[in-house]
């Protein structure tokens, strides 16, 4: 197993923690900018050769330890009949405003054929990727996809999406979504992903009690369906804006790898949860806009705190950001982050 594969299974006792960034292939990177001069965003996602090139750019340029499929989490909504175009951000043709709108939604495992481009891209990436690099796939979490279906974006307070948790819309949506989403995860896993991440960026918009009562059951059902398709595949889960009260609701789920945002001390999280899950994160993406000396000072503090932990606590740490790389992030600061991380962990503490 390579470094990433060992770490997501919490088997990395002595080696340097692997590094990958959410949105590491994105607008900040000159390689991506050059691709966008020749290709639309849709083409970058749906043309497998181009998606492979977009994914591989930051691996070749920066040397990250894992690649993540270049795609978008909203394509299942397009497959379900909601349309999808990109005009300064994603736009759906219609929204799930009322219960009657559920009748307009398609659903079921058979719709995964509409997402075959992801599997084709993943196979190309796996072939191009050096053996010492990991590979992630991803899908959106059920509530995050529902929020986009209802609201059209993650802007605002998601009042209608939160109301939909109890008025029947979320349940009806999941009835149509979950088989498709499980097949989408399996499509990526079978094409070469070491893990498929479920990205639940809207999860923090609901309180922990509601999250546990309304959202976690949908995820339990999703993971159960996926495990029937790919029983040995580790499941990753990222939930932005959540904390210990939300995470407590996840303990009964078959999650192997928990991604966290930047509002938590990573050493404390590893000490408390490192025996339960591999943990990914969690430097604030805004830090990458700091002057290099200040960025280096801050990340050295974090890295040294983790390095000082017992090996058992840090064997499952995947080093990275608490959310995606932001547009206009200086490339030199990405390089600095990776250089300092390698320096700090070049000699492991016992």
Protein backbone atom coordinates (compact mmCIF):
# COMPACT_ATOMS: atom_id res chain seq x y z
CA UNK A 1 0.00 0.00 0.00
CA UNK A 2 1.15 3.54 -0.66
CA UNK A 3 1.30 6.26 2.00
CA UNK A 4 -2.25 7.50 1.45
CA UNK A 5 -3.74 4.01 1.41
CA UNK A 6 -2.01 3.12 4.67
CA UNK A 7 -3.04 6.34 6.36
CA UNK A 8 -6.75 6.16 5.57
CA UNK A 9 -6.67 2.76 7.28
CA UNK A 10 -4.83 4.29 10.29
CA UNK A 11 -1.75 2.17 9.67
CA UNK A 12 0.80 4.98 9.21
CA UNK A 13 2.73 4.83 12.49
CA UNK A 14 6.06 6.31 11.45
CA UNK A 15 5.95 7.76 7.95
CA UNK A 16 5.27 11.38 7.05
CA UNK A 17 1.53 12.14 6.87
CA UNK A 18 0.24 12.40 3.30
CA UNK A 19 -0.98 15.76 1.97
CA UNK A 20 -3.82 16.60 -0.39
CA UNK A 21 -5.93 19.75 -0.71
CA UNK A 22 -9.60 19.97 -1.54
CA UNK A 23 -9.83 21.83 -4.89
CA UNK A 24 -6.10 21.37 -5.43
CA UNK A 25 -6.93 21.46 -9.15
CA UNK A 26 -8.64 24.80 -9.45
CA UNK A 27 -8.65 28.44 -10.39
CA UNK A 28 -5.58 29.42 -8.35
CA UNK A 29 -3.35 27.12 -10.43
CA UNK A 30 -1.78 28.27 -13.69
CA UNK A 31 -2.13 24.76 -15.14
CA UNK A 32 -5.90 24.90 -14.63
CA UNK A 33 -6.07 28.43 -16.03
CA UNK A 34 -4.39 27.26 -19.23
CA UNK A 35 -6.85 24.40 -19.58
CA UNK A 36 -9.77 26.78 -19.13
CA UNK A 37 -8.55 28.87 -22.06
CA UNK A 38 -9.25 25.87 -24.29
CA UNK A 39 -12.11 24.08 -22.51
CA UNK A 40 -15.36 24.96 -20.77
CA UNK A 41 -15.84 23.85 -17.17
CA UNK A 42 -18.31 21.21 -18.37
CA UNK A 43 -15.72 19.87 -20.79
CA UNK A 44 -13.14 19.72 -18.02
CA UNK A 45 -15.53 17.49 -16.10
CA UNK A 46 -17.16 15.46 -18.86
CA UNK A 47 -14.31 14.82 -21.29
CA UNK A 48 -12.35 12.06 -19.52
CA UNK A 49 -8.97 12.90 -21.06
CA UNK A 50 -9.34 16.55 -20.06
CA UNK A 51 -10.59 15.67 -16.57
CA UNK A 52 -7.54 13.42 -16.18
CA UNK A 53 -5.21 16.23 -17.23
CA UNK A 54 -6.90 18.67 -14.82
CA UNK A 55 -6.52 16.16 -11.99
CA UNK A 56 -2.89 15.36 -12.74
CA UNK A 57 -1.69 18.97 -13.05
CA UNK A 58 -1.23 19.65 -9.31
CA UNK A 59 0.24 16.18 -8.76
CA UNK A 60 2.99 16.88 -11.29
CA UNK A 61 3.48 20.49 -10.25
CA UNK A 62 3.29 20.37 -6.44
CA UNK A 63 3.79 16.71 -5.58
CA UNK A 64 0.66 16.13 -3.51
CA UNK A 65 0.39 12.61 -2.10
CA UNK A 66 -3.12 12.03 -3.45
CA UNK A 67 -5.18 13.13 -6.42
CA UNK A 68 -8.92 13.79 -6.34
CA UNK A 69 -11.09 13.36 -9.41
CA UNK A 70 -11.78 16.65 -11.15
CA UNK A 71 -15.56 16.80 -11.37
CA UNK A 72 -18.56 18.44 -9.71
CA UNK A 73 -20.89 17.11 -7.05
CA UNK A 74 -24.08 18.30 -8.80
CA UNK A 75 -24.04 15.89 -11.74
CA UNK A 76 -26.44 13.43 -10.02
CA UNK A 77 -29.02 16.24 -10.02
CA UNK A 78 -28.55 16.64 -13.75
CA UNK A 79 -29.01 12.89 -14.17
CA UNK A 80 -32.25 13.13 -12.16
CA UNK A 81 -33.66 15.64 -14.64
CA UNK A 82 -32.90 19.01 -13.05
CA UNK A 83 -30.63 20.25 -15.82
CA UNK A 84 -27.26 21.82 -15.11
CA UNK A 85 -25.25 24.59 -16.69
CA UNK A 86 -22.42 26.81 -15.47
CA UNK A 87 -22.73 30.58 -15.71
CA UNK A 88 -20.48 32.09 -13.06
CA UNK A 89 -21.40 29.09 -10.95
CA UNK A 90 -23.82 26.18 -11.30
CA UNK A 91 -27.41 26.79 -12.40
CA UNK A 92 -30.21 24.23 -12.28
CA UNK A 93 -33.19 24.51 -14.63
CA UNK A 94 -35.72 24.27 -11.80
CA UNK A 95 -35.83 23.85 -8.02
CA UNK A 96 -37.56 21.51 -5.61
CA UNK A 97 -39.80 24.12 -4.00
CA UNK A 98 -42.90 22.03 -3.23
CA UNK A 99 -43.85 18.41 -2.63
CA UNK A 100 -45.44 18.19 -6.05
CA UNK A 101 -42.06 18.93 -7.63
CA UNK A 102 -40.85 15.47 -6.57
CA UNK A 103 -42.85 14.04 -9.46
CA UNK A 104 -40.49 15.78 -11.87
CA UNK A 105 -37.45 13.93 -10.49
CA UNK A 106 -36.03 10.79 -12.00
CA UNK A 107 -34.22 8.32 -9.82
CA UNK A 108 -32.81 4.84 -9.44
CA UNK A 109 -29.55 3.02 -10.01
CA UNK A 110 -29.96 2.93 -13.79
CA UNK A 111 -29.29 6.66 -14.07
CA UNK A 112 -25.63 6.04 -13.19
CA UNK A 113 -25.02 5.53 -16.92
CA UNK A 114 -25.37 9.33 -17.18
CA UNK A 115 -22.25 9.60 -14.98
CA UNK A 116 -20.07 7.15 -16.91
CA UNK A 117 -17.65 9.97 -17.77
CA UNK A 118 -16.49 9.94 -14.13
CA UNK A 119 -15.55 6.28 -14.29
CA UNK A 120 -13.73 6.76 -17.56
CA UNK A 121 -11.79 9.72 -16.16
CA UNK A 122 -10.96 7.81 -12.98
CA UNK A 123 -9.51 4.90 -14.94
CA UNK A 124 -7.30 7.29 -16.92
CA UNK A 125 -6.15 9.01 -13.74
CA UNK A 126 -5.35 5.70 -12.08
CA UNK A 127 -3.22 4.73 -15.09
CA UNK A 128 -1.40 8.09 -15.12
CA UNK A 129 -0.89 8.30 -11.36
CA UNK A 130 2.42 7.08 -9.90
CA UNK A 131 2.03 4.03 -7.68
CA UNK A 132 3.03 6.01 -4.59
CA UNK A 133 0.07 8.41 -4.95
CA UNK A 134 -3.45 7.91 -3.63
CA UNK A 135 -6.69 8.62 -5.47
CA UNK A 136 -10.02 9.92 -4.18
CA UNK A 137 -13.41 10.04 -5.77
CA UNK A 138 -16.24 12.13 -4.36
CA UNK A 139 -19.97 12.73 -4.32
CA UNK A 140 -22.16 15.22 -2.51
CA UNK A 141 -23.89 14.24 0.71
CA UNK A 142 -27.67 13.70 0.51
CA UNK A 143 -28.50 16.88 2.43
CA UNK A 144 -26.03 18.96 0.45
CA UNK A 145 -27.47 17.73 -2.85
CA UNK A 146 -30.97 18.35 -1.50
CA UNK A 147 -29.99 21.90 -0.48
CA UNK A 148 -28.78 22.66 -3.99
CA UNK A 149 -31.91 21.05 -5.47
CA UNK A 150 -34.09 23.29 -3.29
CA UNK A 151 -32.11 26.52 -3.07
CA UNK A 152 -29.95 26.41 -6.18
CA UNK A 153 -26.82 27.24 -4.19
CA UNK A 154 -25.28 27.20 -0.73
CA UNK A 155 -25.91 30.93 -0.29
CA UNK A 156 -28.15 32.26 2.46
CA UNK A 157 -29.54 30.38 5.45
CA UNK A 158 -31.14 27.47 3.54
CA UNK A 159 -34.55 28.06 5.14
CA UNK A 160 -36.45 26.12 2.50
CA UNK A 161 -34.00 23.22 2.54
CA UNK A 162 -34.19 22.97 6.32
CA UNK A 163 -37.99 23.07 6.15
CA UNK A 164 -37.80 20.27 3.61
CA UNK A 165 -36.31 17.94 6.21
CA UNK A 166 -39.74 17.61 7.83
CA UNK A 167 -42.27 18.40 5.11
CA UNK A 168 -41.61 15.27 3.06
CA UNK A 169 -39.38 16.74 0.37
CA UNK A 170 -36.10 15.41 1.78
CA UNK A 171 -37.47 11.90 2.23
CA UNK A 172 -38.98 11.91 -1.25
CA UNK A 173 -35.74 13.24 -2.70
CA UNK A 174 -33.69 10.54 -0.95
CA UNK A 175 -36.08 7.85 -2.19
CA UNK A 176 -35.04 8.82 -5.70
CA UNK A 177 -31.41 9.70 -4.99
CA UNK A 178 -29.85 7.03 -2.79
CA UNK A 179 -29.63 4.12 -5.24
CA UNK A 180 -28.14 6.46 -7.85
CA UNK A 181 -25.68 7.97 -5.39
CA UNK A 182 -24.55 4.56 -4.11
CA UNK A 183 -23.98 3.46 -7.71
CA UNK A 184 -22.12 6.71 -8.39
CA UNK A 185 -19.78 5.93 -5.48
CA UNK A 186 -19.34 2.36 -6.72
CA UNK A 187 -18.62 3.59 -10.25
CA UNK A 188 -15.70 5.62 -8.94
CA UNK A 189 -14.48 2.91 -6.57
CA UNK A 190 -14.47 0.24 -9.29
CA UNK A 191 -12.57 2.58 -11.60
CA UNK A 192 -9.68 2.91 -9.15
CA UNK A 193 -10.51 5.25 -6.24
CA UNK A 194 -8.83 4.33 -2.95
CA UNK A 195 -11.72 6.01 -1.15
CA UNK A 196 -14.83 7.92 -2.17
CA UNK A 197 -15.43 11.07 -0.13
CA UNK A 198 -18.96 12.16 0.68
CA UNK A 199 -18.74 15.96 0.82
CA UNK A 200 -21.48 17.42 3.01
CA UNK A 201 -20.71 21.11 2.87
CA UNK A 202 -24.23 22.09 4.01
CA UNK A 203 -24.28 19.84 7.07
CA UNK A 204 -23.34 22.60 9.49
CA UNK A 205 -26.46 24.58 8.57
CA UNK A 206 -28.57 22.37 10.86
CA UNK A 207 -28.22 21.77 14.59
CA UNK A 208 -26.77 18.48 15.82
CA UNK A 209 -30.11 17.08 16.99
CA UNK A 210 -31.77 17.69 13.63
CA UNK A 211 -28.69 16.38 11.87
CA UNK A 212 -28.82 13.14 13.83
CA UNK A 213 -32.56 12.69 13.49
CA UNK A 214 -33.12 13.71 9.86
CA UNK A 215 -29.84 13.55 7.93
CA UNK A 216 -27.79 10.74 9.47
CA UNK A 217 -30.45 8.08 8.67
CA UNK A 218 -30.19 8.97 4.99
CA UNK A 219 -26.41 8.63 5.14
CA UNK A 220 -26.70 5.31 6.97
CA UNK A 221 -28.92 4.03 4.18
CA UNK A 222 -26.55 5.39 1.50
CA UNK A 223 -23.53 3.75 3.10
CA UNK A 224 -25.38 0.47 3.53
CA UNK A 225 -26.29 0.40 -0.16
CA UNK A 226 -22.74 1.32 -1.16
CA UNK A 227 -21.18 -1.35 1.06
CA UNK A 228 -23.32 -3.99 -0.62
CA UNK A 229 -21.74 -2.92 -3.90
CA UNK A 230 -18.17 -2.37 -2.65
CA UNK A 231 -17.81 -4.09 0.74
CA UNK A 232 -14.08 -3.40 1.25
CA UNK A 233 -14.02 0.25 0.18
CA UNK A 234 -13.18 2.81 2.90
CA UNK A 235 -15.72 5.63 3.16
CA UNK A 236 -14.61 9.22 3.70
CA UNK A 237 -16.95 11.92 5.00
CA UNK A 238 -16.41 15.68 5.19
CA UNK A 239 -18.89 17.96 6.95
CA UNK A 240 -18.22 21.69 6.92
CA UNK A 241 -19.37 23.73 9.90
CA UNK A 242 -19.83 20.79 12.24
CA UNK A 243 -18.15 19.78 15.49
CA UNK A 244 -18.21 17.20 18.29
CA UNK A 245 -21.99 17.31 18.78
CA UNK A 246 -22.54 16.48 15.10
CA UNK A 247 -19.69 13.95 15.01
CA UNK A 248 -21.24 12.05 17.90
CA UNK A 249 -24.14 11.29 15.58
CA UNK A 250 -21.76 9.62 13.13
CA UNK A 251 -20.30 7.03 15.47
CA UNK A 252 -22.64 4.26 14.34
CA UNK A 253 -21.86 4.82 10.66
CA UNK A 254 -19.17 2.87 8.76
CA UNK A 255 -17.01 5.95 8.17
CA UNK A 256 -13.27 5.36 8.08
CA UNK A 257 -12.06 8.88 7.34
CA UNK A 258 -13.48 12.14 8.69
CA UNK A 259 -12.66 15.48 7.08
CA UNK A 260 -12.97 18.53 9.34
CA UNK A 261 -12.94 22.28 8.77
CA UNK A 262 -10.46 24.78 10.21
CA UNK A 263 -12.44 25.69 13.33
CA UNK A 264 -10.86 22.92 15.39
CA UNK A 265 -7.43 22.26 16.87
CA UNK A 266 -6.12 19.36 14.79
CA UNK A 267 -3.94 17.97 17.59
CA UNK A 268 -6.93 17.90 19.95
CA UNK A 269 -9.12 16.23 17.33
CA UNK A 270 -6.47 13.59 16.65
CA UNK A 271 -6.03 12.95 20.37
CA UNK A 272 -9.77 12.52 20.88
CA UNK A 273 -10.87 10.85 17.64
CA UNK A 274 -7.71 9.44 16.08
CA UNK A 275 -8.45 5.95 17.39
CA UNK A 276 -11.92 6.06 15.81
CA UNK A 277 -11.33 7.63 12.41
CA UNK A 278 -8.59 8.76 10.08
CA UNK A 279 -8.79 12.57 10.16
CA UNK A 280 -8.26 14.93 7.21
CA UNK A 281 -7.58 18.65 7.56
CA UNK A 282 -7.52 21.33 8.60
CA UNK A 283 -5.50 24.53 7.98
CA UNK A 284 -7.62 27.60 7.26
CA UNK A 285 -7.52 28.17 3.46
CA UNK A 286 -7.26 31.91 4.13
CA UNK A 287 -3.84 31.36 5.67
CA UNK A 288 -2.46 30.67 2.20
CA UNK A 289 -2.86 34.40 1.48
CA UNK A 290 -0.50 35.36 4.33
CA UNK A 291 3.02 36.58 3.79
CA UNK A 292 5.22 33.49 3.41
CA UNK A 293 7.09 34.03 6.69
CA UNK A 294 3.85 34.27 8.67
CA UNK A 295 2.32 31.28 6.89
CA UNK A 296 5.42 29.23 7.64
CA UNK A 297 5.38 30.26 11.30
CA UNK A 298 1.74 29.25 11.73
CA UNK A 299 1.91 25.92 9.96
CA UNK A 300 5.11 24.95 11.78
CA UNK A 301 3.23 25.43 15.05
CA UNK A 302 0.48 23.09 13.87
CA UNK A 303 2.82 20.50 12.39
CA UNK A 304 4.99 20.40 15.50
CA UNK A 305 1.94 19.93 17.74
CA UNK A 306 0.88 16.95 15.66
CA UNK A 307 4.42 15.61 15.48
CA UNK A 308 4.57 15.63 19.28
CA UNK A 309 1.54 13.35 19.59
CA UNK A 310 1.97 9.63 20.20
CA UNK A 311 2.22 7.67 16.97
CA UNK A 312 -1.08 5.95 17.71
CA UNK A 313 -2.89 9.30 17.67
CA UNK A 314 -1.47 10.52 14.36
CA UNK A 315 -1.33 7.29 12.37
CA UNK A 316 -4.48 8.33 10.49
CA UNK A 317 -3.82 12.04 9.85
CA UNK A 318 -4.17 13.21 6.26
CA UNK A 319 -2.67 16.71 6.24
CA UNK A 320 -4.48 19.44 4.33
CA UNK A 321 -6.91 22.33 4.46
CA UNK A 322 -10.24 22.68 6.23
CA UNK A 323 -11.95 23.40 2.91
CA UNK A 324 -10.94 24.05 -0.70
CA UNK A 325 -8.05 26.10 -2.05
CA UNK A 326 -9.43 29.57 -2.72
CA UNK A 327 -9.14 31.38 -6.07
CA UNK A 328 -6.07 33.63 -6.36
CA UNK A 329 -4.18 31.67 -3.69
CA UNK A 330 -0.48 32.22 -4.42
CA UNK A 331 1.07 29.11 -5.88
CA UNK A 332 4.30 29.78 -3.98
CA UNK A 333 2.43 29.41 -0.70
CA UNK A 334 1.13 26.00 -1.76
CA UNK A 335 4.72 24.99 -2.47
CA UNK A 336 5.83 26.41 0.88
CA UNK A 337 3.16 24.41 2.74
CA UNK A 338 4.32 21.15 1.17
CA UNK A 339 8.00 21.93 1.68
CA UNK A 340 7.58 22.77 5.36
CA UNK A 341 5.39 19.73 5.97
CA UNK A 342 8.09 17.47 4.55
CA UNK A 343 10.78 19.20 6.61
CA UNK A 344 8.90 18.96 9.90
CA UNK A 345 8.02 15.30 9.46
CA UNK A 346 11.36 14.24 7.98
CA UNK A 347 12.45 13.00 11.42
CA UNK A 348 9.63 11.35 13.28
CA UNK A 349 9.17 11.55 17.02
CA UNK A 350 8.71 8.25 18.77
